[in-house]
């Protein structure tokens, strides 16, 4: 019995992941440009006094970098799905969780204004 690859265990249409990658890439570019604060959950609903404690441009770039990293992982999964073992999906999932934790920590430290 051969080892299963990601392609062997994936289900659903083949066009879904490339479309998601494209959407994530566009959102990453928007956030990396320092715009798109309205996309950041919690920040976009915060009162004006709370928003003043954060540097919106820096916060957007932190979120954009994290989103770009997740997009890169999805590109790797798509390109190498015939060669990566099925068990690598667990490693990619763990990497996404780590990236999200780093984004939250950086957003709450480096994303704040020094005076706030």
PDB file of N, CA and C in Angstrom:
ATOM      1  N   UNK A   1       0.834  -1.181   0.000  1.00  0.00           N
ATOM      2  CA  UNK A   1       0.000   0.000   0.000  1.00  0.00           C
ATOM      3  C   UNK A   1       0.882   1.248   0.000  1.00  0.00           C
ATOM      4  N   UNK A   2       0.650   2.153  -0.948  1.00  0.00           N
ATOM      5  CA  UNK A   2       1.480   3.347  -1.043  1.00  0.00           C
ATOM      6  C   UNK A   2       1.036   4.392  -0.018  1.00  0.00           C
ATOM      7  N   UNK A   3       1.957   5.278   0.285  1.00  0.00           N
ATOM      8  CA  UNK A   3       1.623   6.380   1.190  1.00  0.00           C
ATOM      9  C   UNK A   3       0.704   7.354   0.467  1.00  0.00           C
ATOM     10  N   UNK A   4      -0.304   7.830   1.171  1.00  0.00           N
ATOM     11  CA  UNK A   4      -1.241   8.760   0.566  1.00  0.00           C
ATOM     12  C   UNK A   4      -0.674  10.174   0.559  1.00  0.00           C
ATOM     13  N   UNK A   5      -0.995  10.914  -0.498  1.00  0.00           N
ATOM     14  CA  UNK A   5      -0.585  12.304  -0.606  1.00  0.00           C
ATOM     15  C   UNK A   5      -1.776  13.205  -0.312  1.00  0.00           C
ATOM     16  N   UNK A   6      -1.512  14.498  -0.243  1.00  0.00           N
ATOM     17  CA  UNK A   6      -2.601  15.451  -0.046  1.00  0.00           C
ATOM     18  C   UNK A   6      -3.625  15.345  -1.166  1.00  0.00           C
ATOM     19  N   UNK A   7      -3.150  15.124  -2.389  1.00  0.00           N
ATOM     20  CA  UNK A   7      -4.065  15.012  -3.531  1.00  0.00           C
ATOM     21  C   UNK A   7      -4.981  13.797  -3.381  1.00  0.00           C
ATOM     22  N   UNK A   8      -4.473  12.718  -2.769  1.00  0.00           N
ATOM     23  CA  UNK A   8      -5.277  11.510  -2.598  1.00  0.00           C
ATOM     24  C   UNK A   8      -6.427  11.706  -1.613  1.00  0.00           C
ATOM     25  N   UNK A   9      -6.216  12.533  -0.612  1.00  0.00           N
ATOM     26  CA  UNK A   9      -7.230  12.680   0.433  1.00  0.00           C
ATOM     27  C   UNK A   9      -8.064  13.954   0.287  1.00  0.00           C
ATOM     28  N   UNK A  10      -7.713  14.807  -0.661  1.00  0.00           N
ATOM     29  CA  UNK A  10      -8.487  16.043  -0.826  1.00  0.00           C
ATOM     30  C   UNK A  10      -9.828  15.729  -1.482  1.00  0.00           C
ATOM     31  N   UNK A  11     -10.823  16.483  -1.073  1.00  0.00           N
ATOM     32  CA  UNK A  11     -12.151  16.304  -1.639  1.00  0.00           C
ATOM     33  C   UNK A  11     -12.635  17.643  -2.173  1.00  0.00           C
ATOM     34  N   UNK A  12     -13.608  17.608  -3.008  1.00  0.00           N
ATOM     35  CA  UNK A  12     -14.165  18.845  -3.543  1.00  0.00           C
ATOM     36  C   UNK A  12     -13.550  19.204  -4.883  1.00  0.00           C
ATOM     37  N   UNK A  13     -14.086  20.237  -5.500  1.00  0.00           N
ATOM     38  CA  UNK A  13     -13.599  20.653  -6.818  1.00  0.00           C
ATOM     39  C   UNK A  13     -12.165  21.197  -6.755  1.00  0.00           C
ATOM     40  N   UNK A  14     -11.440  21.041  -7.841  1.00  0.00           N
ATOM     41  CA  UNK A  14     -10.047  21.477  -7.896  1.00  0.00           C
ATOM     42  C   UNK A  14      -9.901  22.991  -7.975  1.00  0.00           C
ATOM     43  N   UNK A  15     -10.941  23.731  -8.312  1.00  0.00           N
ATOM     44  CA  UNK A  15     -10.835  25.170  -8.486  1.00  0.00           C
ATOM     45  C   UNK A  15     -10.973  25.951  -7.183  1.00  0.00           C
ATOM     46  N   UNK A  16     -11.389  25.314  -6.107  1.00  0.00           N
ATOM     47  CA  UNK A  16     -11.685  26.029  -4.869  1.00  0.00           C
ATOM     48  C   UNK A  16     -10.423  26.627  -4.241  1.00  0.00           C
ATOM     49  N   UNK A  17      -9.372  25.838  -4.059  1.00  0.00           N
ATOM     50  CA  UNK A  17      -8.176  26.344  -3.390  1.00  0.00           C
ATOM     51  C   UNK A  17      -7.516  27.472  -4.178  1.00  0.00           C
ATOM     52  N   UNK A  18      -7.372  27.379  -5.504  1.00  0.00           N
ATOM     53  CA  UNK A  18      -6.800  28.535  -6.229  1.00  0.00           C
ATOM     54  C   UNK A  18      -7.618  29.814  -6.070  1.00  0.00           C
ATOM     55  N   UNK A  19      -8.937  29.701  -6.008  1.00  0.00           N
ATOM     56  CA  UNK A  19      -9.776  30.887  -5.821  1.00  0.00           C
ATOM     57  C   UNK A  19      -9.543  31.472  -4.426  1.00  0.00           C
ATOM     58  N   UNK A  20      -9.461  30.622  -3.420  1.00  0.00           N
ATOM     59  CA  UNK A  20      -9.200  31.087  -2.056  1.00  0.00           C
ATOM     60  C   UNK A  20      -7.820  31.728  -1.971  1.00  0.00           C
ATOM     61  N   UNK A  21      -6.832  31.134  -2.632  1.00  0.00           N
ATOM     62  CA  UNK A  21      -5.484  31.703  -2.647  1.00  0.00           C
ATOM     63  C   UNK A  21      -5.505  33.096  -3.270  1.00  0.00           C
ATOM     64  N   UNK A  22      -6.226  33.262  -4.361  1.00  0.00           N
ATOM     65  CA  UNK A  22      -6.326  34.558  -5.022  1.00  0.00           C
ATOM     66  C   UNK A  22      -6.976  35.599  -4.100  1.00  0.00           C
ATOM     67  N   UNK A  23      -8.056  35.221  -3.444  1.00  0.00           N
ATOM     68  CA  UNK A  23      -8.729  36.136  -2.520  1.00  0.00           C
ATOM     69  C   UNK A  23      -7.791  36.518  -1.368  1.00  0.00           C
ATOM     70  N   UNK A  24      -7.117  35.534  -0.778  1.00  0.00           N
ATOM     71  CA  UNK A  24      -6.190  35.802   0.322  1.00  0.00           C
ATOM     72  C   UNK A  24      -5.035  36.690  -0.143  1.00  0.00           C
ATOM     73  N   UNK A  25      -4.534  36.453  -1.354  1.00  0.00           N
ATOM     74  CA  UNK A  25      -3.433  37.272  -1.871  1.00  0.00           C
ATOM     75  C   UNK A  25      -3.876  38.723  -2.044  1.00  0.00           C
ATOM     76  N   UNK A  26      -5.065  38.937  -2.578  1.00  0.00           N
ATOM     77  CA  UNK A  26      -5.574  40.299  -2.756  1.00  0.00           C
ATOM     78  C   UNK A  26      -5.776  40.992  -1.408  1.00  0.00           C
ATOM     79  N   UNK A  27      -6.321  40.277  -0.439  1.00  0.00           N
ATOM     80  CA  UNK A  27      -6.508  40.857   0.890  1.00  0.00           C
ATOM     81  C   UNK A  27      -5.167  41.129   1.574  1.00  0.00           C
ATOM     82  N   UNK A  28      -4.184  40.263   1.351  1.00  0.00           N
ATOM     83  CA  UNK A  28      -2.840  40.478   1.908  1.00  0.00           C
ATOM     84  C   UNK A  28      -2.239  41.762   1.354  1.00  0.00           C
ATOM     85  N   UNK A  29      -2.376  41.961   0.045  1.00  0.00           N
ATOM     86  CA  UNK A  29      -1.843  43.176  -0.592  1.00  0.00           C
ATOM     87  C   UNK A  29      -2.535  44.413  -0.023  1.00  0.00           C
ATOM     88  N   UNK A  30      -3.848  44.345   0.131  1.00  0.00           N
ATOM     89  CA  UNK A  30      -4.599  45.462   0.689  1.00  0.00           C
ATOM     90  C   UNK A  30      -4.107  45.794   2.095  1.00  0.00           C
ATOM     91  N   UNK A  31      -3.933  44.786   2.920  1.00  0.00           N
ATOM     92  CA  UNK A  31      -3.491  45.008   4.294  1.00  0.00           C
ATOM     93  C   UNK A  31      -2.031  45.452   4.365  1.00  0.00           C
ATOM     94  N   UNK A  32      -1.177  44.863   3.537  1.00  0.00           N
ATOM     95  CA  UNK A  32       0.231  45.256   3.540  1.00  0.00           C
ATOM     96  C   UNK A  32       0.427  46.694   3.081  1.00  0.00           C
ATOM     97  N   UNK A  33      -0.515  47.206   2.305  1.00  0.00           N
ATOM     98  CA  UNK A  33      -0.428  48.596   1.862  1.00  0.00           C
ATOM     99  C   UNK A  33      -0.807  49.567   2.992  1.00  0.00           C
ATOM    100  N   UNK A  34      -1.236  49.035   4.130  1.00  0.00           N
ATOM    101  CA  UNK A  34      -1.596  49.880   5.270  1.00  0.00           C
ATOM    102  C   UNK A  34      -3.053  50.298   5.271  1.00  0.00           C
ATOM    103  N   UNK A  35      -3.789  49.787   4.324  1.00  0.00           N
ATOM    104  CA  UNK A  35      -5.224  50.092   4.252  1.00  0.00           C
ATOM    105  C   UNK A  35      -5.996  48.836   4.663  1.00  0.00           C
ATOM    106  N   UNK A  36      -7.267  48.962   4.832  1.00  0.00           N
ATOM    107  CA  UNK A  36      -8.066  47.784   5.145  1.00  0.00           C
ATOM    108  C   UNK A  36      -8.265  47.542   6.622  1.00  0.00           C
ATOM    109  N   UNK A  37      -8.137  48.590   7.434  1.00  0.00           N
ATOM    110  CA  UNK A  37      -8.392  48.432   8.863  1.00  0.00           C
ATOM    111  C   UNK A  37      -9.797  47.921   9.141  1.00  0.00           C
ATOM    112  N   UNK A  38     -10.710  48.184   8.217  1.00  0.00           N
ATOM    113  CA  UNK A  38     -12.091  47.720   8.358  1.00  0.00           C
ATOM    114  C   UNK A  38     -12.188  46.201   8.256  1.00  0.00           C
ATOM    115  N   UNK A  39     -11.124  45.540   7.797  1.00  0.00           N
ATOM    116  CA  UNK A  39     -11.121  44.078   7.703  1.00  0.00           C
ATOM    117  C   UNK A  39     -10.697  43.397   9.005  1.00  0.00           C
ATOM    118  N   UNK A  40     -10.109  44.153   9.914  1.00  0.00           N
ATOM    119  CA  UNK A  40      -9.542  43.561  11.128  1.00  0.00           C
ATOM    120  C   UNK A  40     -10.635  43.467  12.189  1.00  0.00           C
ATOM    121  N   UNK A  41     -11.014  42.242  12.512  1.00  0.00           N
ATOM    122  CA  UNK A  41     -12.069  42.010  13.498  1.00  0.00           C
ATOM    123  C   UNK A  41     -11.648  42.579  14.849  1.00  0.00           C
ATOM    124  N   UNK A  42     -12.555  43.237  15.500  1.00  0.00           N
ATOM    125  CA  UNK A  42     -12.268  43.841  16.792  1.00  0.00           C
ATOM    126  C   UNK A  42     -11.834  45.276  16.640  1.00  0.00           C
ATOM    127  N   UNK A  43     -10.928  45.528  15.721  1.00  0.00           N
ATOM    128  CA  UNK A  43     -10.485  46.903  15.494  1.00  0.00           C
ATOM    129  C   UNK A  43     -11.582  47.706  14.805  1.00  0.00           C
ATOM    130  N   UNK A  44     -12.215  47.094  13.814  1.00  0.00           N
ATOM    131  CA  UNK A  44     -13.229  47.827  13.053  1.00  0.00           C
ATOM    132  C   UNK A  44     -14.481  48.136  13.863  1.00  0.00           C
ATOM    133  N   UNK A  45     -14.711  47.412  14.935  1.00  0.00           N
ATOM    134  CA  UNK A  45     -15.899  47.659  15.765  1.00  0.00           C
ATOM    135  C   UNK A  45     -15.566  48.402  17.053  1.00  0.00           C
ATOM    136  N   UNK A  46     -14.293  48.684  17.261  1.00  0.00           N
ATOM    137  CA  UNK A  46     -13.881  49.353  18.493  1.00  0.00           C
ATOM    138  C   UNK A  46     -14.317  50.820  18.483  1.00  0.00           C
ATOM    139  N   UNK A  47     -14.587  51.364  19.668  1.00  0.00           N
ATOM    140  CA  UNK A  47     -14.914  52.794  19.726  1.00  0.00           C
ATOM    141  C   UNK A  47     -13.693  53.642  19.355  1.00  0.00           C
ATOM    142  N   UNK A  48     -13.946  54.888  18.993  1.00  0.00           N
ATOM    143  CA  UNK A  48     -12.884  55.781  18.526  1.00  0.00           C
ATOM    144  C   UNK A  48     -11.760  55.905  19.560  1.00  0.00           C
ATOM    145  N   UNK A  49     -12.104  55.962  20.839  1.00  0.00           N
ATOM    146  CA  UNK A  49     -11.087  56.096  21.899  1.00  0.00           C
ATOM    147  C   UNK A  49     -10.150  54.894  21.914  1.00  0.00           C
ATOM    148  N   UNK A  50     -10.701  53.704  21.676  1.00  0.00           N
ATOM    149  CA  UNK A  50      -9.880  52.478  21.652  1.00  0.00           C
ATOM    150  C   UNK A  50      -9.018  52.441  20.395  1.00  0.00           C
ATOM    151  N   UNK A  51      -9.571  52.865  19.265  1.00  0.00           N
ATOM    152  CA  UNK A  51      -8.807  52.876  18.014  1.00  0.00           C
ATOM    153  C   UNK A  51      -7.613  53.810  18.090  1.00  0.00           C
ATOM    154  N   UNK A  52      -7.719  54.881  18.855  1.00  0.00           N
ATOM    155  CA  UNK A  52      -6.625  55.839  18.989  1.00  0.00           C
ATOM    156  C   UNK A  52      -5.413  55.232  19.691  1.00  0.00           C
ATOM    157  N   UNK A  53      -5.602  54.128  20.401  1.00  0.00           N
ATOM    158  CA  UNK A  53      -4.489  53.453  21.081  1.00  0.00           C
ATOM    159  C   UNK A  53      -3.627  52.649  20.119  1.00  0.00           C
ATOM    160  N   UNK A  54      -4.092  52.457  18.879  1.00  0.00           N
ATOM    161  CA  UNK A  54      -3.400  51.616  17.908  1.00  0.00           C
ATOM    162  C   UNK A  54      -2.938  52.431  16.712  1.00  0.00           C
ATOM    163  N   UNK A  55      -1.840  52.007  16.135  1.00  0.00           N
ATOM    164  CA  UNK A  55      -1.343  52.557  14.888  1.00  0.00           C
ATOM    165  C   UNK A  55      -1.985  51.720  13.777  1.00  0.00           C
ATOM    166  N   UNK A  56      -2.996  52.274  13.117  1.00  0.00           N
ATOM    167  CA  UNK A  56      -3.773  51.494  12.147  1.00  0.00           C
ATOM    168  C   UNK A  56      -2.909  50.955  11.006  1.00  0.00           C
ATOM    169  N   UNK A  57      -2.000  51.766  10.506  1.00  0.00           N
ATOM    170  CA  UNK A  57      -1.164  51.335   9.387  1.00  0.00           C
ATOM    171  C   UNK A  57      -0.273  50.156   9.800  1.00  0.00           C
ATOM    172  N   UNK A  58       0.323  50.253  10.980  1.00  0.00           N
ATOM    173  CA  UNK A  58       1.186  49.168  11.472  1.00  0.00           C
ATOM    174  C   UNK A  58       0.368  47.911  11.752  1.00  0.00           C
ATOM    175  N   UNK A  59      -0.816  48.080  12.321  1.00  0.00           N
ATOM    176  CA  UNK A  59      -1.695  46.951  12.599  1.00  0.00           C
ATOM    177  C   UNK A  59      -2.107  46.254  11.299  1.00  0.00           C
ATOM    178  N   UNK A  60      -2.422  47.043  10.285  1.00  0.00           N
ATOM    179  CA  UNK A  60      -2.767  46.469   8.976  1.00  0.00           C
ATOM    180  C   UNK A  60      -1.595  45.685   8.398  1.00  0.00           C
ATOM    181  N   UNK A  61      -0.403  46.224   8.530  1.00  0.00           N
ATOM    182  CA  UNK A  61       0.773  45.531   7.981  1.00  0.00           C
ATOM    183  C   UNK A  61       1.076  44.238   8.728  1.00  0.00           C
ATOM    184  N   UNK A  62       0.868  44.229  10.030  1.00  0.00           N
ATOM    185  CA  UNK A  62       1.057  43.004  10.811  1.00  0.00           C
ATOM    186  C   UNK A  62       0.067  41.935  10.334  1.00  0.00           C
ATOM    187  N   UNK A  63      -1.185  42.320  10.199  1.00  0.00           N
ATOM    188  CA  UNK A  63      -2.209  41.377   9.740  1.00  0.00           C
ATOM    189  C   UNK A  63      -1.948  40.952   8.297  1.00  0.00           C
ATOM    190  N   UNK A  64      -1.496  41.872   7.466  1.00  0.00           N
ATOM    191  CA  UNK A  64      -1.179  41.548   6.079  1.00  0.00           C
ATOM    192  C   UNK A  64      -0.028  40.567   5.963  1.00  0.00           C
ATOM    193  N   UNK A  65       0.987  40.744   6.793  1.00  0.00           N
ATOM    194  CA  UNK A  65       2.126  39.821   6.776  1.00  0.00           C
ATOM    195  C   UNK A  65       1.692  38.423   7.214  1.00  0.00           C
ATOM    196  N   UNK A  66       0.867  38.356   8.242  1.00  0.00           N
ATOM    197  CA  UNK A  66       0.363  37.052   8.686  1.00  0.00           C
ATOM    198  C   UNK A  66      -0.494  36.393   7.628  1.00  0.00           C
ATOM    199  N   UNK A  67      -1.332  37.187   6.989  1.00  0.00           N
ATOM    200  CA  UNK A  67      -2.189  36.646   5.935  1.00  0.00           C
ATOM    201  C   UNK A  67      -1.355  36.196   4.731  1.00  0.00           C
ATOM    202  N   UNK A  68      -0.300  36.940   4.429  1.00  0.00           N
ATOM    203  CA  UNK A  68       0.597  36.545   3.330  1.00  0.00           C
ATOM    204  C   UNK A  68       1.297  35.224   3.655  1.00  0.00           C
ATOM    205  N   UNK A  69       1.660  35.038   4.917  1.00  0.00           N
ATOM    206  CA  UNK A  69       2.299  33.780   5.319  1.00  0.00           C
ATOM    207  C   UNK A  69       1.333  32.606   5.159  1.00  0.00           C
ATOM    208  N   UNK A  70       0.093  32.797   5.565  1.00  0.00           N
ATOM    209  CA  UNK A  70      -0.914  31.743   5.405  1.00  0.00           C
ATOM    210  C   UNK A  70      -1.160  31.474   3.916  1.00  0.00           C
ATOM    211  N   UNK A  71      -1.193  32.541   3.121  1.00  0.00           N
ATOM    212  CA  UNK A  71      -1.359  32.383   1.672  1.00  0.00           C
ATOM    213  C   UNK A  71      -0.203  31.577   1.089  1.00  0.00           C
ATOM    214  N   UNK A  72       1.009  31.880   1.542  1.00  0.00           N
ATOM    215  CA  UNK A  72       2.177  31.127   1.078  1.00  0.00           C
ATOM    216  C   UNK A  72       2.075  29.646   1.418  1.00  0.00           C
ATOM    217  N   UNK A  73       1.591  29.337   2.611  1.00  0.00           N
ATOM    218  CA  UNK A  73       1.406  27.932   2.986  1.00  0.00           C
ATOM    219  C   UNK A  73       0.380  27.253   2.073  1.00  0.00           C
ATOM    220  N   UNK A  74      -0.688  27.974   1.745  1.00  0.00           N
ATOM    221  CA  UNK A  74      -1.695  27.397   0.849  1.00  0.00           C
ATOM    222  C   UNK A  74      -1.135  27.182  -0.555  1.00  0.00           C
ATOM    223  N   UNK A  75      -0.284  28.097  -1.005  1.00  0.00           N
ATOM    224  CA  UNK A  75       0.347  27.927  -2.319  1.00  0.00           C
ATOM    225  C   UNK A  75       1.226  26.680  -2.315  1.00  0.00           C
ATOM    226  N   UNK A  76       1.983  26.488  -1.251  1.00  0.00           N
ATOM    227  CA  UNK A  76       2.835  25.296  -1.137  1.00  0.00           C
ATOM    228  C   UNK A  76       1.979  24.038  -1.173  1.00  0.00           C
ATOM    229  N   UNK A  77       0.872  24.047  -0.438  1.00  0.00           N
ATOM    230  CA  UNK A  77      -0.014  22.881  -0.431  1.00  0.00           C
ATOM    231  C   UNK A  77      -0.591  22.609  -1.816  1.00  0.00           C
ATOM    232  N   UNK A  78      -0.947  23.664  -2.540  1.00  0.00           N
ATOM    233  CA  UNK A  78      -1.532  23.497  -3.874  1.00  0.00           C
ATOM    234  C   UNK A  78      -0.494  22.996  -4.886  1.00  0.00           C
ATOM    235  N   UNK A  79       0.673  23.590  -4.864  1.00  0.00           N
ATOM    236  CA  UNK A  79       1.705  23.240  -5.854  1.00  0.00           C
ATOM    237  C   UNK A  79       2.249  21.833  -5.621  1.00  0.00           C
ATOM    238  N   UNK A  80       2.444  21.482  -4.358  1.00  0.00           N
ATOM    239  CA  UNK A  80       3.082  20.201  -4.043  1.00  0.00           C
ATOM    240  C   UNK A  80       2.104  19.149  -3.520  1.00  0.00           C
ATOM    241  N   UNK A  81       0.814  19.283  -3.830  1.00  0.00           N
ATOM    242  CA  UNK A  81      -0.173  18.353  -3.288  1.00  0.00           C
ATOM    243  C   UNK A  81       0.060  16.911  -3.738  1.00  0.00           C
ATOM    244  N   UNK A  82       0.696  16.718  -4.885  1.00  0.00           N
ATOM    245  CA  UNK A  82       0.972  15.356  -5.361  1.00  0.00           C
ATOM    246  C   UNK A  82       2.180  14.736  -4.673  1.00  0.00           C
ATOM    247  N   UNK A  83       3.005  15.547  -4.019  1.00  0.00           N
ATOM    248  CA  UNK A  83       4.227  15.038  -3.403  1.00  0.00           C
ATOM    249  C   UNK A  83       4.214  15.064  -1.880  1.00  0.00           C
ATOM    250  N   UNK A  84       3.410  15.936  -1.299  1.00  0.00           N
ATOM    251  CA  UNK A  84       3.361  16.027   0.163  1.00  0.00           C
ATOM    252  C   UNK A  84       2.512  14.898   0.736  1.00  0.00           C
ATOM    253  N   UNK A  85       2.974  14.280   1.825  1.00  0.00           N
ATOM    254  CA  UNK A  85       2.166  13.230   2.450  1.00  0.00           C
ATOM    255  C   UNK A  85       0.896  13.827   3.062  1.00  0.00           C
ATOM    256  N   UNK A  86      -0.130  13.027   3.145  1.00  0.00           N
ATOM    257  CA  UNK A  86      -1.406  13.480   3.696  1.00  0.00           C
ATOM    258  C   UNK A  86      -1.249  13.998   5.120  1.00  0.00           C
ATOM    259  N   UNK A  87      -0.318  13.438   5.860  1.00  0.00           N
ATOM    260  CA  UNK A  87      -0.108  13.863   7.243  1.00  0.00           C
ATOM    261  C   UNK A  87       0.447  15.282   7.340  1.00  0.00           C
ATOM    262  N   UNK A  88       0.951  15.834   6.248  1.00  0.00           N
ATOM    263  CA  UNK A  88       1.480  17.201   6.290  1.00  0.00           C
ATOM    264  C   UNK A  88       0.370  18.227   6.507  1.00  0.00           C
ATOM    265  N   UNK A  89      -0.868  17.843   6.257  1.00  0.00           N
ATOM    266  CA  UNK A  89      -1.991  18.760   6.505  1.00  0.00           C
ATOM    267  C   UNK A  89      -2.036  19.158   7.975  1.00  0.00           C
ATOM    268  N   UNK A  90      -1.655  18.256   8.878  1.00  0.00           N
ATOM    269  CA  UNK A  90      -1.630  18.575  10.303  1.00  0.00           C
ATOM    270  C   UNK A  90      -0.559  19.625  10.592  1.00  0.00           C
ATOM    271  N   UNK A  91       0.602  19.485   9.957  1.00  0.00           N
ATOM    272  CA  UNK A  91       1.681  20.454  10.155  1.00  0.00           C
ATOM    273  C   UNK A  91       1.275  21.822   9.622  1.00  0.00           C
ATOM    274  N   UNK A  92       0.614  21.858   8.475  1.00  0.00           N
ATOM    275  CA  UNK A  92       0.164  23.128   7.920  1.00  0.00           C
ATOM    276  C   UNK A  92      -0.891  23.764   8.818  1.00  0.00           C
ATOM    277  N   UNK A  93      -1.792  22.965   9.347  1.00  0.00           N
ATOM    278  CA  UNK A  93      -2.799  23.492  10.265  1.00  0.00           C
ATOM    279  C   UNK A  93      -2.167  24.071  11.521  1.00  0.00           C
ATOM    280  N   UNK A  94      -1.179  23.382  12.057  1.00  0.00           N
ATOM    281  CA  UNK A  94      -0.473  23.879  13.246  1.00  0.00           C
ATOM    282  C   UNK A  94       0.271  25.171  12.921  1.00  0.00           C
ATOM    283  N   UNK A  95       0.855  25.245  11.738  1.00  0.00           N
ATOM    284  CA  UNK A  95       1.563  26.464  11.332  1.00  0.00           C
ATOM    285  C   UNK A  95       0.609  27.652  11.238  1.00  0.00           C
ATOM    286  N   UNK A  96      -0.591  27.425  10.745  1.00  0.00           N
ATOM    287  CA  UNK A  96      -1.588  28.504  10.654  1.00  0.00           C
ATOM    288  C   UNK A  96      -1.961  28.985  12.052  1.00  0.00           C
ATOM    289  N   UNK A  97      -2.126  28.065  12.990  1.00  0.00           N
ATOM    290  CA  UNK A  97      -2.447  28.448  14.369  1.00  0.00           C
ATOM    291  C   UNK A  97      -1.311  29.285  14.965  1.00  0.00           C
ATOM    292  N   UNK A  98      -0.065  28.868  14.741  1.00  0.00           N
ATOM    293  CA  UNK A  98       1.096  29.612  15.254  1.00  0.00           C
ATOM    294  C   UNK A  98       1.145  31.007  14.637  1.00  0.00           C
ATOM    295  N   UNK A  99       0.907  31.107  13.340  1.00  0.00           N
ATOM    296  CA  UNK A  99       0.902  32.408  12.670  1.00  0.00           C
ATOM    297  C   UNK A  99      -0.178  33.314  13.270  1.00  0.00           C
ATOM    298  N   UNK A 100      -1.344  32.766  13.523  1.00  0.00           N
ATOM    299  CA  UNK A 100      -2.435  33.561  14.116  1.00  0.00           C
ATOM    300  C   UNK A 100      -2.079  34.046  15.513  1.00  0.00           C
ATOM    301  N   UNK A 101      -1.458  33.203  16.309  1.00  0.00           N
ATOM    302  CA  UNK A 101      -1.047  33.606  17.658  1.00  0.00           C
ATOM    303  C   UNK A 101      -0.014  34.720  17.572  1.00  0.00           C
ATOM    304  N   UNK A 102       0.943  34.588  16.668  1.00  0.00           N
ATOM    305  CA  UNK A 102       1.960  35.630  16.496  1.00  0.00           C
ATOM    306  C   UNK A 102       1.318  36.938  16.064  1.00  0.00           C
ATOM    307  N   UNK A 103       0.337  36.870  15.162  1.00  0.00           N
ATOM    308  CA  UNK A 103      -0.360  38.081  14.710  1.00  0.00           C
ATOM    309  C   UNK A 103      -1.074  38.766  15.877  1.00  0.00           C
ATOM    310  N   UNK A 104      -1.720  38.007  16.728  1.00  0.00           N
ATOM    311  CA  UNK A 104      -2.438  38.585  17.868  1.00  0.00           C
ATOM    312  C   UNK A 104      -1.459  39.238  18.837  1.00  0.00           C
ATOM    313  N   UNK A 105      -0.364  38.550  19.130  1.00  0.00           N
ATOM    314  CA  UNK A 105       0.629  39.105  20.057  1.00  0.00           C
ATOM    315  C   UNK A 105       1.245  40.376  19.487  1.00  0.00           C
ATOM    316  N   UNK A 106       1.669  40.337  18.219  1.00  0.00           N
ATOM    317  CA  UNK A 106       2.258  41.528  17.609  1.00  0.00           C
ATOM    318  C   UNK A 106       1.243  42.660  17.484  1.00  0.00           C
ATOM    319  N   UNK A 107       0.012  42.323  17.170  1.00  0.00           N
ATOM    320  CA  UNK A 107      -1.016  43.343  17.064  1.00  0.00           C
ATOM    321  C   UNK A 107      -1.260  44.066  18.375  1.00  0.00           C
ATOM    322  N   UNK A 108      -1.133  43.341  19.472  1.00  0.00           N
ATOM    323  CA  UNK A 108      -1.370  43.937  20.791  1.00  0.00           C
ATOM    324  C   UNK A 108      -0.117  44.539  21.413  1.00  0.00           C
ATOM    325  N   UNK A 109       1.030  44.363  20.779  1.00  0.00           N
ATOM    326  CA  UNK A 109       2.270  44.976  21.293  1.00  0.00           C
ATOM    327  C   UNK A 109       2.805  45.973  20.271  1.00  0.00           C
ATOM    328  N   UNK A 110       3.291  45.484  19.161  1.00  0.00           N
ATOM    329  CA  UNK A 110       3.882  46.375  18.145  1.00  0.00           C
ATOM    330  C   UNK A 110       2.835  47.227  17.449  1.00  0.00           C
ATOM    331  N   UNK A 111       1.594  46.805  17.451  1.00  0.00           N
ATOM    332  CA  UNK A 111       0.530  47.557  16.791  1.00  0.00           C
ATOM    333  C   UNK A 111      -0.003  48.726  17.611  1.00  0.00           C
ATOM    334  N   UNK A 112       0.396  48.816  18.863  1.00  0.00           N
ATOM    335  CA  UNK A 112      -0.089  49.902  19.718  1.00  0.00           C
ATOM    336  C   UNK A 112       0.776  51.149  19.528  1.00  0.00           C
ATOM    337  N   UNK A 113       0.169  52.293  19.748  1.00  0.00           N
ATOM    338  CA  UNK A 113       0.928  53.548  19.794  1.00  0.00           C
ATOM    339  C   UNK A 113       1.738  53.571  21.080  1.00  0.00           C
ATOM    340  N   UNK A 114       2.907  54.177  21.038  1.00  0.00           N
ATOM    341  CA  UNK A 114       3.755  54.230  22.225  1.00  0.00           C
ATOM    342  C   UNK A 114       3.100  55.022  23.359  1.00  0.00           C
ATOM    343  N   UNK A 115       2.349  56.056  23.027  1.00  0.00           N
ATOM    344  CA  UNK A 115       1.703  56.864  24.058  1.00  0.00           C
ATOM    345  C   UNK A 115       0.445  56.228  24.613  1.00  0.00           C
ATOM    346  N   UNK A 116      -0.197  55.300  23.818  1.00  0.00           N
ATOM    347  CA  UNK A 116      -1.461  54.694  24.220  1.00  0.00           C
ATOM    348  C   UNK A 116      -1.235  53.502  25.029  1.00  0.00           C
TER     349      UNK A 116
END
